[in-house]
Amino acid sequence: MKILHDDKISAVSVSSGAQFSSSFAVSNVSNDIPQNVFMANSASATITATISAGVQAVFISGLMADNATIEITDSDNSLTYTEILNTTKFSSLKWIGRNNDNQIPCSLDPFTISPYTGTVLTSPLTSDTTITDSLKAGPDTLELQANLTLGGGGEEEVILELGLGSTENAIQNNFDGSSLGAGTVKIVLESQDDLKDSPIEGNAIAKWNQSSGATGRFDDSSDAVVNCISHGNVRVGSLVTIGGVDYQVTKIVGQGTGNADVTLSGTVSDGTITAIKNPIRVGIVRASACISLENPQIGFSKALKDFSIRKPLINGGYRQTPKNVAKQFTIDAVLPIAQANNLFDFYYAFRSKPFPIAALQGMPTVQSEAQEYSGFCYLLDAPEMQSATIDGSYQNVNFSVCEVI
């Protein structure tokens, strides 16, 4: 179990692209309110965070992007590492888009420095070779006299790093090594999926119907107005492609069904819409040192807290409004007294303040612990501690945390 408690980000900026407006500034990723997001004004953007020495993990939540990559540079040790982030939604069902600010799981990924212990490819490579390792080393120059395939199918990421020898230090995706030196964390984001033909309810969007200037509405292929709320996949910040140019939705009044209820970022006449893409958004970014605790005991509980509105009616009817769903972890652990004291010291400082946590760590890959068992959480109450041994060297500790959406 890991708790990120000491954020090492000293500065954050948009190094590629720009913010949608001052309300969606990149500085928002450093606050404690995931819904105060950074939002870009284009289909691609790069966030660059300057970090001081001591980072052991990077946490990202509130992500909206179709492709995301994190690039770690340790300037102190002249090391780099690239990781593809998960952008798969919690569910493939279309209803996940209704009133849901939390469609893509958060991610808590470890990055530490340790000697490379795998085998190093030899040059020349004389037989067909397929690499399935997350990190593979090679000499400075690798002569290919046979086929070299990166990835055998199903891997999230395969890296071949030339100039990396056995026992030489490398940034690796684990908690086993030492913390990073000073450097940068870059988060490279892209939006590419066309959602105009993917309504949650109602008709697909086909046309822009201009009222005047940058205002108008969206119509379907039969010139009938499209209800933006029912469609569900067009929102403030959406990128609308008309005539090969991307315009951003800056305002939607009500359901967007009035002649001038939708405002774009620029004036454009009636025309065919060739794509509508989600905006790029990020809620929380942390690059931090960690408090290490033993994993919970058997019986660890993960639950979902649903904020949806449910209203049974007196005639047997039912009304409902879907809202956000948060993860909640209930943890019982047996901790050495030093770890238990570290947890209590942490609570004295943080109290109600939210923090990133990996409630389980070191689990089999199929558990997807970086997404399924992590979150930007707050303690529901103070942790409790009872002695597990006569001399108090081990303590039974229990506490519960709930995710902030």
Protein backbone atom coordinates (compact mmCIF):
# COMPACT_ATOMS: atom_id res chain seq x y z
CA MET A 1 0.00 0.00 0.00
CA LYS A 2 1.29 3.46 -0.92
CA ILE A 3 0.17 6.94 0.13
CA LEU A 4 1.48 9.92 -1.87
CA HIS A 5 2.09 12.63 0.68
CA ASP A 6 4.82 15.01 -0.52
CA ASP A 7 4.20 16.51 -3.95
CA LYS A 8 7.50 17.40 -5.67
CA ILE A 9 6.04 19.50 -8.51
CA SER A 10 7.50 22.99 -8.34
CA ALA A 11 6.01 24.36 -11.58
CA VAL A 12 3.49 23.23 -14.20
CA SER A 13 2.87 24.62 -17.68
CA VAL A 14 1.33 23.82 -21.06
CA SER A 15 4.33 23.23 -23.30
CA SER A 16 2.23 22.32 -26.36
CA GLY A 17 -1.24 23.66 -27.02
CA ALA A 18 -3.00 26.19 -24.78
CA GLN A 19 -5.71 26.42 -22.16
CA PHE A 20 -9.36 26.76 -23.16
CA SER A 21 -9.79 29.81 -20.91
CA SER A 22 -8.46 31.22 -17.64
CA SER A 23 -11.09 29.19 -15.76
CA PHE A 24 -9.50 26.02 -17.12
CA ALA A 25 -5.87 26.93 -16.45
CA VAL A 26 -3.19 24.26 -16.12
CA SER A 27 -2.62 25.36 -12.51
CA ASN A 28 -5.94 23.65 -11.70
CA VAL A 29 -4.22 20.25 -11.75
CA SER A 30 -2.37 21.22 -8.57
CA ASN A 31 -5.46 21.95 -6.45
CA ASP A 32 -7.62 19.48 -4.49
CA ILE A 33 -10.79 19.82 -6.60
CA PRO A 34 -10.83 17.29 -9.47
CA GLN A 35 -13.76 19.03 -11.20
CA ASN A 36 -11.72 22.25 -11.54
CA VAL A 37 -9.96 20.79 -14.54
CA PHE A 38 -7.36 21.92 -17.01
CA MET A 39 -8.93 21.93 -20.48
CA ALA A 40 -7.05 22.49 -23.72
CA ASN A 41 -8.23 24.52 -26.73
CA SER A 42 -7.10 21.94 -29.30
CA ALA A 43 -7.10 18.21 -30.00
CA SER A 44 -3.57 17.77 -28.61
CA ALA A 45 -1.73 19.22 -25.64
CA THR A 46 1.32 18.56 -23.48
CA ILE A 47 1.50 19.36 -19.78
CA THR A 48 5.03 19.73 -18.40
CA ALA A 49 5.69 19.56 -14.67
CA THR A 50 9.06 20.45 -13.17
CA ILE A 51 9.93 18.11 -10.31
CA SER A 52 12.48 18.24 -7.52
CA ALA A 53 14.35 15.16 -6.34
CA GLY A 54 12.45 12.52 -4.39
CA VAL A 55 9.60 11.42 -6.70
CA GLN A 56 8.57 7.76 -6.41
CA ALA A 57 5.20 7.81 -8.19
CA VAL A 58 3.01 9.91 -10.48
CA PHE A 59 -0.76 10.15 -10.05
CA ILE A 60 -3.25 11.41 -12.67
CA SER A 61 -7.04 11.57 -12.38
CA GLY A 62 -9.96 13.28 -14.09
CA LEU A 63 -8.51 12.42 -17.48
CA MET A 64 -10.43 12.93 -20.73
CA ALA A 65 -8.30 11.92 -23.73
CA ASP A 66 -8.18 9.15 -26.32
CA ASN A 67 -4.39 8.74 -26.11
CA ALA A 68 -2.10 9.64 -23.23
CA THR A 69 1.63 9.17 -22.67
CA ILE A 70 3.80 10.11 -19.73
CA GLU A 71 7.47 10.97 -20.31
CA ILE A 72 9.81 11.04 -17.31
CA THR A 73 13.18 12.81 -17.55
CA ASP A 74 15.64 12.58 -14.65
CA SER A 75 18.05 15.43 -15.41
CA ASP A 76 20.26 14.58 -12.42
CA ASN A 77 20.99 11.11 -13.79
CA SER A 78 20.49 11.67 -17.57
CA LEU A 79 17.72 9.07 -17.68
CA THR A 80 14.39 8.99 -19.53
CA TYR A 81 11.33 6.74 -19.53
CA THR A 82 8.07 6.67 -21.47
CA GLU A 83 4.83 5.02 -20.34
CA ILE A 84 1.52 4.72 -22.18
CA LEU A 85 -1.34 5.62 -19.83
CA ASN A 86 -4.63 3.76 -19.70
CA THR A 87 -7.46 5.65 -21.43
CA THR A 88 -10.00 2.80 -21.47
CA LYS A 89 -13.26 3.85 -19.85
CA PHE A 90 -14.79 2.02 -16.88
CA SER A 91 -17.52 0.71 -19.18
CA SER A 92 -18.10 0.37 -22.91
CA LEU A 93 -21.84 0.97 -22.43
CA LYS A 94 -22.98 4.32 -23.82
CA TRP A 95 -24.74 5.34 -20.61
CA ILE A 96 -21.40 5.99 -18.93
CA GLY A 97 -21.44 9.37 -20.69
CA ARG A 98 -24.56 10.62 -18.89
CA ASN A 99 -23.72 13.14 -16.11
CA ASN A 100 -20.42 11.39 -15.41
CA ASP A 101 -17.21 13.29 -14.64
CA ASN A 102 -15.27 10.09 -13.96
CA GLN A 103 -15.28 7.93 -17.09
CA ILE A 104 -11.58 6.95 -17.26
CA PRO A 105 -9.91 5.35 -14.21
CA CYS A 106 -7.25 7.33 -12.42
CA SER A 107 -3.70 6.01 -12.57
CA LEU A 108 -1.01 5.78 -9.89
CA ASP A 109 2.24 4.63 -11.50
CA PRO A 110 5.58 4.05 -9.75
CA PHE A 111 8.82 5.40 -11.27
CA THR A 112 12.10 4.64 -9.52
CA ILE A 113 15.75 4.16 -10.46
CA SER A 114 17.41 0.75 -10.19
CA PRO A 115 20.02 -1.30 -12.07
CA TYR A 116 18.72 -3.06 -15.17
CA THR A 117 18.74 -6.79 -14.44
CA GLY A 118 17.44 -8.22 -17.72
CA THR A 119 19.43 -9.64 -20.61
CA VAL A 120 20.99 -7.31 -23.17
CA LEU A 121 20.55 -7.96 -26.88
CA THR A 122 23.77 -8.69 -28.73
CA SER A 123 24.84 -7.14 -32.00
CA PRO A 124 24.51 -8.25 -34.71
CA LEU A 125 21.05 -9.77 -34.17
CA THR A 126 21.15 -12.89 -36.34
CA SER A 127 17.85 -14.63 -35.52
CA ASP A 128 14.25 -13.44 -35.56
CA THR A 129 13.42 -12.01 -32.12
CA THR A 130 10.18 -10.85 -30.49
CA ILE A 131 10.43 -8.62 -27.40
CA THR A 132 7.59 -8.72 -24.88
CA ASP A 133 9.43 -7.15 -21.92
CA SER A 134 8.26 -3.75 -20.70
CA LEU A 135 11.95 -2.72 -20.86
CA LYS A 136 14.67 -4.36 -22.95
CA ALA A 137 18.30 -3.29 -23.26
CA GLY A 138 20.57 -3.14 -26.28
CA PRO A 139 24.05 -1.87 -27.16
CA ASP A 140 24.60 1.64 -28.49
CA THR A 141 24.46 0.27 -32.04
CA LEU A 142 22.28 -2.73 -32.83
CA GLU A 143 22.87 -4.25 -36.27
CA LEU A 144 19.84 -6.16 -37.53
CA GLN A 145 20.46 -9.21 -39.68
CA ALA A 146 17.06 -10.66 -38.79
CA ASN A 147 13.56 -9.49 -37.88
CA LEU A 148 13.08 -7.66 -34.57
CA THR A 149 9.48 -7.38 -33.35
CA LEU A 150 8.47 -5.17 -30.44
CA GLY A 151 5.42 -6.72 -28.78
CA GLY A 152 3.96 -10.16 -29.26
CA GLY A 153 0.36 -9.05 -28.89
CA GLY A 154 -1.55 -7.78 -25.87
CA GLU A 155 1.24 -5.79 -24.24
CA GLU A 156 0.38 -2.26 -23.19
CA GLU A 157 3.91 -1.11 -23.88
CA VAL A 158 7.29 -2.48 -24.95
CA ILE A 159 10.48 -0.38 -24.77
CA LEU A 160 13.86 -1.15 -26.34
CA GLU A 161 16.49 1.18 -24.90
CA LEU A 162 19.78 1.30 -26.77
CA GLY A 163 22.89 2.09 -24.78
CA LEU A 164 21.53 0.38 -21.66
CA GLY A 165 23.85 -2.28 -20.34
CA SER A 166 23.30 -4.91 -17.68
CA THR A 167 23.51 -3.39 -14.15
CA GLU A 168 23.35 0.18 -15.54
CA ASN A 169 20.74 2.39 -13.88
CA ALA A 170 17.40 2.94 -15.62
CA ILE A 171 14.03 4.44 -14.70
CA GLN A 172 11.69 1.51 -14.22
CA ASN A 173 7.96 1.17 -13.59
CA ASN A 174 8.17 -0.19 -10.04
CA PHE A 175 8.66 0.83 -6.41
CA ASP A 176 11.80 -1.28 -5.98
CA GLY A 177 14.47 1.33 -6.68
CA SER A 178 15.53 4.70 -5.35
CA SER A 179 13.59 7.90 -5.91
CA LEU A 180 14.06 10.05 -9.00
CA GLY A 181 16.34 13.06 -9.15
CA ALA A 182 15.25 16.50 -10.30
CA GLY A 183 13.74 16.60 -13.79
CA THR A 184 10.44 16.86 -15.66
CA VAL A 185 7.21 14.93 -16.11
CA LYS A 186 5.48 15.43 -19.45
CA ILE A 187 1.91 14.29 -20.05
CA VAL A 188 1.21 14.12 -23.80
CA LEU A 189 -2.52 14.03 -24.61
CA GLU A 190 -4.56 13.57 -27.78
CA SER A 191 -8.26 13.53 -28.65
CA GLN A 192 -9.12 11.74 -31.89
CA ASP A 193 -12.37 9.72 -31.63
CA ASP A 194 -15.33 11.09 -33.61
CA LEU A 195 -18.47 11.12 -31.42
CA LYS A 196 -20.97 12.92 -33.65
CA ASP A 197 -22.56 9.57 -34.63
CA SER A 198 -22.54 8.20 -31.07
CA PRO A 199 -25.50 9.75 -29.25
CA ILE A 200 -26.57 8.35 -25.89
CA GLU A 201 -30.14 9.11 -26.94
CA GLY A 202 -31.69 10.74 -29.98
CA ASN A 203 -30.17 11.46 -33.37
CA ALA A 204 -26.60 11.75 -34.56
CA ILE A 205 -25.21 15.21 -35.33
CA ALA A 206 -24.65 15.95 -39.03
CA LYS A 207 -24.75 19.72 -39.62
CA TRP A 208 -24.03 23.13 -38.17
CA ASN A 209 -26.98 25.51 -38.53
CA GLN A 210 -25.67 29.06 -38.11
CA SER A 211 -27.87 31.72 -36.54
CA SER A 212 -25.43 34.63 -36.67
CA GLY A 213 -21.73 35.04 -36.04
CA ALA A 214 -20.47 32.13 -33.94
CA THR A 215 -23.91 31.08 -32.66
CA GLY A 216 -26.23 28.42 -34.01
CA ARG A 217 -27.36 24.86 -33.29
CA PHE A 218 -26.62 21.28 -34.28
CA ASP A 219 -28.94 19.48 -36.74
CA ASP A 220 -29.24 15.87 -37.82
CA SER A 221 -29.15 14.70 -41.44
CA SER A 222 -32.85 15.56 -41.84
CA ASP A 223 -32.33 19.15 -40.61
CA ALA A 224 -34.04 18.41 -37.28
CA VAL A 225 -32.48 20.06 -34.24
CA VAL A 226 -30.35 17.81 -31.99
CA ASN A 227 -30.79 18.01 -28.23
CA CYS A 228 -27.27 18.33 -26.81
CA ILE A 229 -28.24 16.94 -23.40
CA SER A 230 -29.84 13.85 -24.94
CA HIS A 231 -26.93 13.35 -27.35
CA GLY A 232 -24.58 13.35 -24.37
CA ASN A 233 -21.33 13.43 -26.33
CA VAL A 234 -21.19 17.12 -27.13
CA ARG A 235 -20.27 19.48 -24.31
CA VAL A 236 -18.52 22.77 -23.57
CA GLY A 237 -15.00 22.28 -24.90
CA SER A 238 -15.95 19.77 -27.61
CA LEU A 239 -14.02 20.19 -30.86
CA VAL A 240 -16.29 20.49 -33.90
CA THR A 241 -14.73 20.05 -37.34
CA ILE A 242 -16.42 22.03 -40.12
CA GLY A 243 -14.76 22.52 -43.50
CA GLY A 244 -11.53 21.00 -42.19
CA VAL A 245 -11.24 23.51 -39.33
CA ASP A 246 -11.70 22.72 -35.62
CA TYR A 247 -14.01 25.04 -33.68
CA GLN A 248 -14.48 24.64 -29.94
CA VAL A 249 -17.87 24.75 -28.23
CA THR A 250 -17.65 27.68 -25.79
CA LYS A 251 -21.26 27.80 -24.62
CA ILE A 252 -24.44 25.70 -24.61
CA VAL A 253 -27.67 27.29 -23.38
CA GLY A 254 -30.05 24.77 -21.84
CA GLN A 255 -30.47 21.79 -24.14
CA GLY A 256 -28.90 23.60 -27.10
CA THR A 257 -32.10 23.39 -29.14
CA GLY A 258 -32.69 27.11 -29.70
CA ASN A 259 -31.53 28.69 -32.95
CA ALA A 260 -28.62 30.45 -31.21
CA ASP A 261 -28.13 28.24 -28.14
CA VAL A 262 -24.69 26.91 -29.15
CA THR A 263 -21.66 29.18 -29.43
CA LEU A 264 -18.44 28.15 -31.18
CA SER A 265 -14.98 29.64 -30.87
CA GLY A 266 -15.23 31.27 -34.30
CA THR A 267 -17.73 32.40 -36.93
CA VAL A 268 -18.67 29.69 -39.41
CA SER A 269 -21.54 29.40 -41.89
CA ASP A 270 -23.90 26.45 -42.29
CA GLY A 271 -21.96 23.34 -43.08
CA THR A 272 -21.44 19.61 -42.73
CA ILE A 273 -19.80 18.49 -39.49
CA THR A 274 -17.15 15.88 -40.21
CA ALA A 275 -16.17 15.18 -36.59
CA ILE A 276 -16.96 16.04 -32.97
CA LYS A 277 -14.19 15.14 -30.53
CA ASN A 278 -14.04 15.30 -26.76
CA PRO A 279 -11.96 18.09 -25.25
CA ILE A 280 -8.68 17.24 -23.54
CA ARG A 281 -9.12 17.51 -19.78
CA VAL A 282 -7.08 16.64 -16.69
CA GLY A 283 -8.23 16.99 -13.09
CA ILE A 284 -5.37 16.15 -10.71
CA VAL A 285 -1.62 15.62 -11.26
CA ARG A 286 0.81 14.70 -8.50
CA ALA A 287 4.47 13.59 -8.62
CA SER A 288 5.31 12.60 -5.11
CA ALA A 289 7.23 10.74 -2.48
CA CYS A 290 5.35 7.87 -0.82
CA ILE A 291 4.57 6.46 2.59
CA SER A 292 4.90 2.67 2.32
CA LEU A 293 2.53 0.44 4.31
CA GLU A 294 1.90 -3.31 4.30
CA ASN A 295 -0.98 -4.44 2.10
CA PRO A 296 -4.40 -4.91 3.75
CA GLN A 297 -5.34 -8.29 5.16
CA ILE A 298 -7.70 -10.74 3.45
CA GLY A 299 -11.14 -9.15 3.60
CA PHE A 300 -10.04 -5.83 2.09
CA SER A 301 -13.18 -4.11 0.79
CA LYS A 302 -13.68 -2.08 -2.36
CA ALA A 303 -17.13 -0.56 -2.78
CA LEU A 304 -18.80 2.02 -5.01
CA LYS A 305 -20.50 5.10 -3.60
CA ASP A 306 -23.20 6.24 -6.02
CA PHE A 307 -24.37 9.86 -5.90
CA SER A 308 -27.26 9.27 -8.34
CA ILE A 309 -30.77 10.47 -7.50
CA ARG A 310 -33.42 7.75 -7.09
CA LYS A 311 -37.04 8.67 -6.41
CA PRO A 312 -39.76 5.97 -6.24
CA LEU A 313 -43.19 7.49 -6.88
CA ILE A 314 -46.37 6.76 -4.91
CA ASN A 315 -48.04 5.22 -7.99
CA GLY A 316 -45.24 2.70 -8.51
CA GLY A 317 -43.33 4.88 -10.91
CA TYR A 318 -39.72 5.84 -10.65
CA ARG A 319 -37.57 8.83 -11.46
CA GLN A 320 -33.81 8.89 -11.54
CA THR A 321 -30.88 11.10 -12.45
CA PRO A 322 -27.50 9.40 -12.93
CA LYS A 323 -24.63 11.10 -11.08
CA ASN A 324 -20.98 10.34 -10.32
CA VAL A 325 -19.75 7.09 -8.78
CA ALA A 326 -16.75 7.05 -6.41
CA LYS A 327 -14.59 4.21 -5.14
CA GLN A 328 -14.46 3.53 -1.42
CA PHE A 329 -11.85 1.33 0.29
CA THR A 330 -12.13 -0.20 3.76
CA ILE A 331 -8.71 -1.29 4.97
CA ASP A 332 -7.63 -3.57 7.83
CA ALA A 333 -3.89 -4.11 8.00
CA VAL A 334 -1.29 -5.47 10.39
CA LEU A 335 1.54 -2.93 10.39
CA PRO A 336 4.94 -2.76 12.07
CA ILE A 337 4.82 -0.07 14.73
CA ALA A 338 6.99 2.27 12.63
CA GLN A 339 4.54 2.10 9.70
CA ALA A 340 1.56 2.56 12.03
CA ASN A 341 3.18 5.64 13.54
CA ASN A 342 3.90 7.00 10.04
CA LEU A 343 0.20 6.62 9.18
CA PHE A 344 -0.86 8.47 12.33
CA ASP A 345 1.71 11.21 11.70
CA PHE A 346 0.27 11.52 8.19
CA TYR A 347 -3.25 11.86 9.58
CA TYR A 348 -2.22 14.58 12.03
CA ALA A 349 -1.05 16.61 9.02
CA PHE A 350 -3.63 15.82 6.32
CA ARG A 351 -6.84 15.19 8.32
CA SER A 352 -9.62 16.02 5.79
CA LYS A 353 -7.27 16.89 2.91
CA PRO A 354 -7.47 14.42 -0.05
CA PHE A 355 -4.43 12.50 -1.29
CA PRO A 356 -3.55 9.82 -3.87
CA ILE A 357 -3.47 6.27 -2.52
CA ALA A 358 -2.71 2.83 -3.94
CA ALA A 359 -4.70 0.65 -1.55
CA LEU A 360 -3.13 -2.53 -2.95
CA GLN A 361 0.39 -2.83 -4.29
CA GLY A 362 2.43 -5.65 -5.84
CA MET A 363 -0.60 -7.59 -7.08
CA PRO A 364 -0.74 -9.77 -10.25
CA THR A 365 -1.02 -7.78 -13.49
CA VAL A 366 -4.63 -8.89 -14.06
CA GLN A 367 -5.66 -6.89 -10.96
CA SER A 368 -4.80 -3.58 -12.74
CA GLU A 369 -3.91 -2.12 -9.36
CA ALA A 370 -2.74 1.23 -10.78
CA GLN A 371 -6.32 1.94 -11.87
CA GLU A 372 -8.69 -0.32 -9.91
CA TYR A 373 -7.23 0.12 -6.43
CA SER A 374 -6.02 3.71 -6.50
CA GLY A 375 -7.80 7.01 -6.14
CA PHE A 376 -7.66 10.62 -5.03
CA CYS A 377 -9.22 10.00 -1.63
CA TYR A 378 -9.91 11.43 1.79
CA LEU A 379 -10.05 9.61 5.11
CA LEU A 380 -13.66 9.13 6.24
CA ASP A 381 -12.50 9.18 9.85
CA ALA A 382 -9.30 8.99 11.85
CA PRO A 383 -7.50 5.61 11.63
CA GLU A 384 -7.73 3.29 14.62
CA MET A 385 -4.88 1.21 16.03
CA GLN A 386 -4.90 -1.80 18.38
CA SER A 387 -1.85 -3.75 19.49
CA ALA A 388 -1.44 -7.07 17.64
CA THR A 389 1.41 -8.33 19.83
CA ILE A 390 2.24 -8.21 23.52
CA ASP A 391 5.17 -5.87 22.97
CA GLY A 392 3.24 -3.65 20.55
CA SER A 393 5.74 -4.20 17.74
CA TYR A 394 2.84 -4.84 15.37
CA GLN A 395 -0.46 -2.99 15.28
CA ASN A 396 -3.88 -3.79 13.85
CA VAL A 397 -4.84 -0.66 11.94
CA ASN A 398 -8.16 0.04 10.22
CA PHE A 399 -9.41 3.02 8.24
CA SER A 400 -11.65 3.86 5.29
CA VAL A 401 -11.15 6.27 2.40
CA CYS A 402 -13.51 7.64 -0.23
CA GLU A 403 -12.60 8.95 -3.67
CA VAL A 404 -13.08 12.60 -4.60
CA ILE A 405 -14.64 13.04 -8.07
